[in-house]
Amino acid sequence: MSLITNILFPVDFSPSCFAMGAYVRRAATLFGARVSLLHVVDPSRYNALELFMRSPAEVTDDHLAITREKLASFLDTTFPPAEHLRIVAAGDPATEIAATARKGFDAIIMPTHAGVFRRMLLGSTTAKVLNDADCPVLTSHHAETIAPRPLEHREWLCTIGLGENSERVLRFAHQAASEVRANLRILHAMPGADTMLPVPDPGQQMESRERELVLHRIGELQAKVGSHAQVRLAAGPVKEALLEAARQYDADALIIGRSPQPGSIGRLRDLTYAMVRDSPFPVLSV
């Protein structure tokens, strides 16, 4: 069975969502997946006059009716309504998106609205979805300016640490890349190490031994999931090292891990936020 068979595409009718349609279509084609479009009517955006004249329930009904008509024609050439389900809901957008995704969807694809998302990451709908959603989430702030790769171009990067979550992330990346016949590369950051220098003195010899241990551990992880991906060790602070290493490749997407459980802090950590915000490619958070 395919890893991704149903994709949820939340839309707010913005230029970013319109541009994102091409990315969603490409992903659906690669995986042979179905796409459903979702729009969430947000009651917090009702104006005071509406609520003065009618009850909140009546206002919601009107907004839902208008939205159904608008959603039916939105991206109707890319996603014909007869083939792609349209879903309308009311409530907090992030909450409704995550809740809808739990009803049989394998992935969410949505833009990050680059400017606002970069400045107010913690307050954005996309950030909340990244934290709340159980399924993988593909995000991009490149949709309006960069066209998706041709179907023949399939270069993927996967960043992993060496923690308990690493095997899960690598297993997903390997399976997904195998399904679409993509070339997968693994990135791992070694803070403070310099992977490009020779090893003439004891300090560098220690770094060399550390690299060998890291490569051995990554090799064990690859053996568990059946992967034979090329490994790139990046030197320096984790975020900067990983992003700099990613920029060396002409990749379709960067796969990163989120915590598998929301917990008291949430699925997203500072590093995950930074990678989503600053990645040169669309990011698939799993």
Protein backbone atom coordinates (compact mmCIF):
# COMPACT_ATOMS: atom_id res chain seq x y z
CA MET A 1 0.00 0.00 0.00
CA SER A 2 1.26 3.48 -0.89
CA LEU A 3 2.54 5.65 1.95
CA ILE A 4 0.45 8.63 0.83
CA THR A 5 -2.92 7.99 -0.81
CA ASN A 6 -4.99 10.96 0.45
CA ILE A 7 -3.69 14.53 0.57
CA LEU A 8 -5.45 17.37 2.38
CA PHE A 9 -4.92 20.80 0.81
CA PRO A 10 -6.17 23.61 3.11
CA VAL A 11 -6.86 26.79 1.14
CA ASP A 12 -7.73 30.36 2.07
CA PHE A 13 -8.09 31.61 -1.54
CA SER A 14 -4.84 33.60 -1.25
CA PRO A 15 -2.28 33.93 -4.07
CA SER A 16 0.01 31.60 -2.09
CA CYS A 17 -2.64 28.88 -2.02
CA PHE A 18 -3.36 29.36 -5.72
CA ALA A 19 0.35 29.04 -6.53
CA MET A 20 0.69 26.04 -4.24
CA GLY A 21 -1.73 24.10 -6.42
CA ALA A 22 1.07 23.08 -8.78
CA TYR A 23 3.10 21.61 -5.90
CA VAL A 24 0.11 19.70 -4.62
CA ARG A 25 -0.68 18.37 -8.07
CA ARG A 26 2.90 17.18 -8.54
CA ALA A 27 2.94 15.42 -5.17
CA ALA A 28 -0.38 13.75 -5.92
CA THR A 29 0.90 12.57 -9.29
CA LEU A 30 4.11 11.17 -7.80
CA PHE A 31 2.26 9.14 -5.17
CA GLY A 32 -0.89 8.44 -7.16
CA ALA A 33 -2.83 10.15 -4.36
CA ARG A 34 -6.20 11.86 -4.21
CA VAL A 35 -6.43 15.52 -3.18
CA SER A 36 -9.22 17.12 -1.12
CA LEU A 37 -9.48 20.89 -0.73
CA LEU A 38 -10.48 22.30 2.66
CA HIS A 39 -11.51 25.81 3.64
CA VAL A 40 -12.24 26.74 7.23
CA VAL A 41 -14.62 29.62 7.99
CA ASP A 42 -13.20 31.44 11.00
CA PRO A 43 -15.93 32.95 13.25
CA SER A 44 -13.37 35.25 14.85
CA ARG A 45 -13.27 37.15 11.56
CA TYR A 46 -16.99 37.95 11.45
CA ASN A 47 -17.57 41.68 11.52
CA ALA A 48 -19.55 43.36 14.27
CA LEU A 49 -22.39 44.46 11.96
CA GLU A 50 -23.08 40.88 10.89
CA LEU A 51 -23.29 39.73 14.49
CA PHE A 52 -25.46 42.71 15.44
CA MET A 53 -28.02 41.97 12.73
CA ARG A 54 -28.20 38.17 13.06
CA SER A 55 -27.27 35.32 15.36
CA PRO A 56 -23.77 33.74 15.11
CA ALA A 57 -25.35 30.52 13.78
CA GLU A 58 -27.09 32.40 10.95
CA VAL A 59 -23.92 34.25 10.06
CA THR A 60 -21.99 30.99 10.00
CA ASP A 61 -24.56 29.36 7.73
CA ASP A 62 -24.27 32.24 5.27
CA HIS A 63 -20.48 32.13 5.28
CA LEU A 64 -20.50 28.38 4.74
CA ALA A 65 -22.88 28.68 1.80
CA ILE A 66 -20.77 31.39 0.15
CA THR A 67 -17.60 29.41 0.79
CA ARG A 68 -18.99 26.24 -0.81
CA GLU A 69 -19.65 28.13 -4.05
CA LYS A 70 -16.24 29.80 -3.99
CA LEU A 71 -14.41 26.58 -3.17
CA ALA A 72 -16.13 24.69 -5.99
CA SER A 73 -14.53 27.00 -8.57
CA PHE A 74 -11.18 27.48 -6.83
CA LEU A 75 -8.42 25.65 -8.77
CA ASP A 76 -11.18 23.79 -10.60
CA THR A 77 -8.93 23.21 -13.61
CA THR A 78 -6.13 21.70 -11.54
CA PHE A 79 -8.49 19.82 -9.21
CA PRO A 80 -11.86 19.23 -10.93
CA PRO A 81 -14.63 19.10 -8.29
CA ALA A 82 -15.98 15.86 -9.74
CA GLU A 83 -12.70 14.13 -8.90
CA HIS A 84 -11.45 16.08 -5.86
CA LEU A 85 -13.56 16.49 -2.75
CA ARG A 86 -14.29 19.97 -1.39
CA ILE A 87 -14.65 20.26 2.40
CA VAL A 88 -15.97 23.29 4.29
CA ALA A 89 -15.76 23.64 8.07
CA ALA A 90 -16.19 26.38 10.68
CA GLY A 91 -13.96 27.06 13.67
CA ASP A 92 -10.33 27.76 14.43
CA PRO A 93 -8.51 27.04 11.14
CA ALA A 94 -5.53 25.15 12.59
CA THR A 95 -7.73 23.04 14.86
CA GLU A 96 -10.12 22.15 12.05
CA ILE A 97 -7.31 21.35 9.61
CA ALA A 98 -5.65 18.96 12.07
CA ALA A 99 -9.00 17.38 12.99
CA THR A 100 -10.00 16.90 9.35
CA ALA A 101 -6.62 15.35 8.54
CA ARG A 102 -7.25 12.67 11.16
CA LYS A 103 -10.26 11.47 9.14
CA GLY A 104 -8.28 9.39 6.68
CA PHE A 105 -5.62 11.73 5.27
CA ASP A 106 -1.95 10.78 4.97
CA ALA A 107 -0.44 14.25 4.42
CA ILE A 108 -1.22 17.96 4.56
CA ILE A 109 0.25 20.38 2.04
CA MET A 110 0.05 24.12 2.63
CA PRO A 111 2.04 27.32 2.08
CA THR A 112 3.64 29.26 4.90
CA HIS A 113 2.83 32.77 3.60
CA ALA A 114 6.50 33.70 3.76
CA GLY A 115 6.42 37.25 5.13
CA VAL A 116 3.99 36.81 8.01
CA PHE A 117 5.18 33.29 8.75
CA ARG A 118 8.79 34.42 9.05
CA ARG A 119 7.99 37.33 11.34
CA MET A 120 5.30 35.74 13.50
CA LEU A 121 6.01 32.04 13.24
CA LEU A 122 4.48 31.03 16.56
CA GLY A 123 1.20 32.73 15.76
CA SER A 124 0.62 31.39 12.26
CA THR A 125 -1.98 28.83 11.28
CA THR A 126 0.71 26.80 9.53
CA ALA A 127 2.83 26.64 12.68
CA LYS A 128 -0.15 25.43 14.70
CA VAL A 129 -0.92 22.77 12.11
CA LEU A 130 2.70 21.62 12.19
CA ASN A 131 2.40 21.23 15.94
CA ASP A 132 -1.05 19.62 16.07
CA ALA A 133 -1.24 17.40 12.99
CA ASP A 134 -0.54 13.69 13.36
CA CYS A 135 0.33 13.15 9.69
CA PRO A 136 3.26 14.56 7.67
CA VAL A 137 2.97 18.21 6.64
CA LEU A 138 4.60 19.70 3.54
CA THR A 139 5.12 23.46 3.74
CA SER A 140 6.67 25.97 1.37
CA HIS A 141 7.07 29.72 1.14
CA HIS A 142 8.45 29.38 -2.39
CA ALA A 143 5.21 28.68 -4.22
CA GLU A 144 4.62 32.18 -5.57
CA THR A 145 8.13 32.64 -6.97
CA ILE A 146 9.50 29.16 -7.75
CA ALA A 147 7.79 26.59 -9.96
CA PRO A 148 7.83 22.96 -8.80
CA ARG A 149 10.39 20.63 -10.36
CA PRO A 150 9.47 18.56 -13.38
CA LEU A 151 8.24 15.08 -12.54
CA GLU A 152 11.53 13.63 -13.76
CA HIS A 153 13.53 15.59 -11.15
CA ARG A 154 13.48 13.64 -7.90
CA GLU A 155 16.21 14.69 -5.44
CA TRP A 156 15.27 14.50 -1.76
CA LEU A 157 17.22 15.33 1.38
CA CYS A 158 16.56 13.90 4.85
CA THR A 159 18.02 15.34 8.02
CA ILE A 160 18.41 12.97 10.95
CA GLY A 161 19.98 13.08 14.37
CA LEU A 162 20.93 9.99 16.30
CA GLY A 163 18.04 10.01 18.78
CA GLU A 164 15.10 7.70 19.25
CA ASN A 165 13.09 9.51 16.57
CA SER A 166 15.72 9.05 13.86
CA GLU A 167 14.75 5.57 12.73
CA ARG A 168 11.10 6.61 12.25
CA VAL A 169 12.06 9.65 10.18
CA LEU A 170 14.55 7.74 8.05
CA ARG A 171 12.11 4.87 7.51
CA PHE A 172 9.47 7.29 6.23
CA ALA A 173 11.97 9.09 3.98
CA HIS A 174 13.31 5.82 2.56
CA GLN A 175 9.86 4.37 1.89
CA ALA A 176 8.54 7.58 0.34
CA ALA A 177 11.63 8.04 -1.83
CA SER A 178 11.47 4.41 -2.94
CA GLU A 179 7.82 4.73 -3.95
CA VAL A 180 8.46 7.71 -6.22
CA ARG A 181 11.95 6.57 -7.29
CA ALA A 182 13.65 9.63 -5.82
CA ASN A 183 17.36 9.86 -5.01
CA LEU A 184 17.58 10.23 -1.22
CA ARG A 185 20.53 11.81 0.59
CA ILE A 186 21.00 11.96 4.36
CA LEU A 187 22.26 15.06 6.17
CA HIS A 188 23.59 14.95 9.73
CA ALA A 189 25.15 17.82 11.68
CA MET A 190 28.18 17.35 13.90
CA PRO A 191 28.54 20.48 16.06
CA GLY A 192 32.12 21.66 16.17
CA ALA A 193 33.48 19.07 13.78
CA ASP A 194 35.22 19.87 10.51
CA THR A 195 34.62 17.07 8.06
CA MET A 196 36.88 18.54 5.39
CA LEU A 197 40.23 18.60 7.26
CA PRO A 198 42.86 15.84 7.34
CA VAL A 199 43.69 14.21 10.68
CA PRO A 200 47.29 15.09 11.61
CA ASP A 201 46.99 15.80 15.35
CA PRO A 202 45.30 14.14 18.37
CA GLY A 203 42.39 16.60 18.44
CA GLN A 204 41.57 15.98 14.82
CA GLN A 205 42.09 12.26 15.31
CA MET A 206 39.41 12.40 18.03
CA GLU A 207 37.10 14.18 15.60
CA SER A 208 37.87 11.52 13.00
CA ARG A 209 36.94 8.77 15.42
CA GLU A 210 33.75 10.64 16.27
CA ARG A 211 32.88 10.83 12.58
CA GLU A 212 33.48 7.12 12.24
CA LEU A 213 31.14 6.43 15.16
CA VAL A 214 28.48 8.71 13.68
CA LEU A 215 28.75 7.08 10.26
CA HIS A 216 28.59 3.65 11.90
CA ARG A 217 25.42 4.61 13.77
CA ILE A 218 23.82 6.05 10.63
CA GLY A 219 24.82 2.85 8.82
CA GLU A 220 22.98 0.84 11.48
CA LEU A 221 19.88 2.98 11.02
CA GLN A 222 20.04 2.57 7.26
CA ALA A 223 20.39 -1.20 7.63
CA LYS A 224 17.25 -1.32 9.78
CA VAL A 225 15.14 0.48 7.19
CA GLY A 226 16.81 -0.96 4.08
CA SER A 227 18.29 2.33 2.93
CA HIS A 228 21.55 2.86 1.04
CA ALA A 229 21.42 6.65 0.82
CA GLN A 230 24.54 8.77 0.51
CA VAL A 231 25.44 10.48 3.80
CA ARG A 232 26.71 14.06 4.17
CA LEU A 233 28.14 15.10 7.55
CA ALA A 234 27.83 18.84 8.07
CA ALA A 235 30.08 20.75 10.45
CA GLY A 236 29.06 23.50 12.86
CA PRO A 237 25.96 24.59 14.80
CA VAL A 238 23.15 22.23 13.90
CA LYS A 239 20.72 24.60 12.17
CA GLU A 240 23.35 26.52 10.23
CA ALA A 241 25.26 23.37 9.29
CA LEU A 242 22.19 21.55 8.01
CA LEU A 243 20.89 24.51 6.02
CA GLU A 244 24.30 25.19 4.50
CA ALA A 245 24.63 21.53 3.53
CA ALA A 246 21.12 21.55 2.04
CA ARG A 247 21.99 24.52 -0.14
CA GLN A 248 24.65 22.44 -1.86
CA TYR A 249 21.96 20.35 -3.53
CA ASP A 250 19.25 21.04 -6.09
CA ALA A 251 16.59 19.19 -4.14
CA ASP A 252 12.81 18.93 -4.41
CA ALA A 253 12.22 18.72 -0.67
CA LEU A 254 13.87 18.55 2.72
CA ILE A 255 12.48 15.88 5.07
CA ILE A 256 12.80 16.60 8.79
CA GLY A 257 11.40 15.03 11.94
CA ARG A 258 8.93 16.34 14.47
CA SER A 259 8.32 14.84 17.89
CA PRO A 260 5.88 11.94 17.43
CA GLN A 261 3.78 13.18 20.37
CA PRO A 262 2.62 16.75 21.11
CA GLY A 263 3.59 16.59 24.80
CA SER A 264 3.79 19.62 27.05
CA ILE A 265 6.17 21.48 24.72
CA GLY A 266 4.56 20.45 21.44
CA ARG A 267 5.72 18.55 18.39
CA LEU A 268 7.80 21.40 17.07
CA ARG A 269 11.11 22.32 18.62
CA ASP A 270 13.24 25.40 17.95
CA LEU A 271 15.30 23.54 15.34
CA THR A 272 12.19 22.39 13.48
CA TYR A 273 10.81 25.94 13.38
CA ALA A 274 14.13 27.21 12.05
CA MET A 275 14.38 24.56 9.35
CA VAL A 276 10.82 25.18 8.13
CA ARG A 277 11.38 28.94 8.19
CA ASP A 278 14.78 29.06 6.46
CA SER A 279 14.97 25.98 4.24
CA PRO A 280 15.85 26.66 0.59
CA PHE A 281 13.31 23.98 -0.39
CA PRO A 282 9.82 22.92 0.61
CA VAL A 283 9.96 21.04 3.92
CA LEU A 284 8.20 17.76 4.63
CA SER A 285 7.86 17.45 8.42
CA VAL A 286 7.12 13.91 9.60
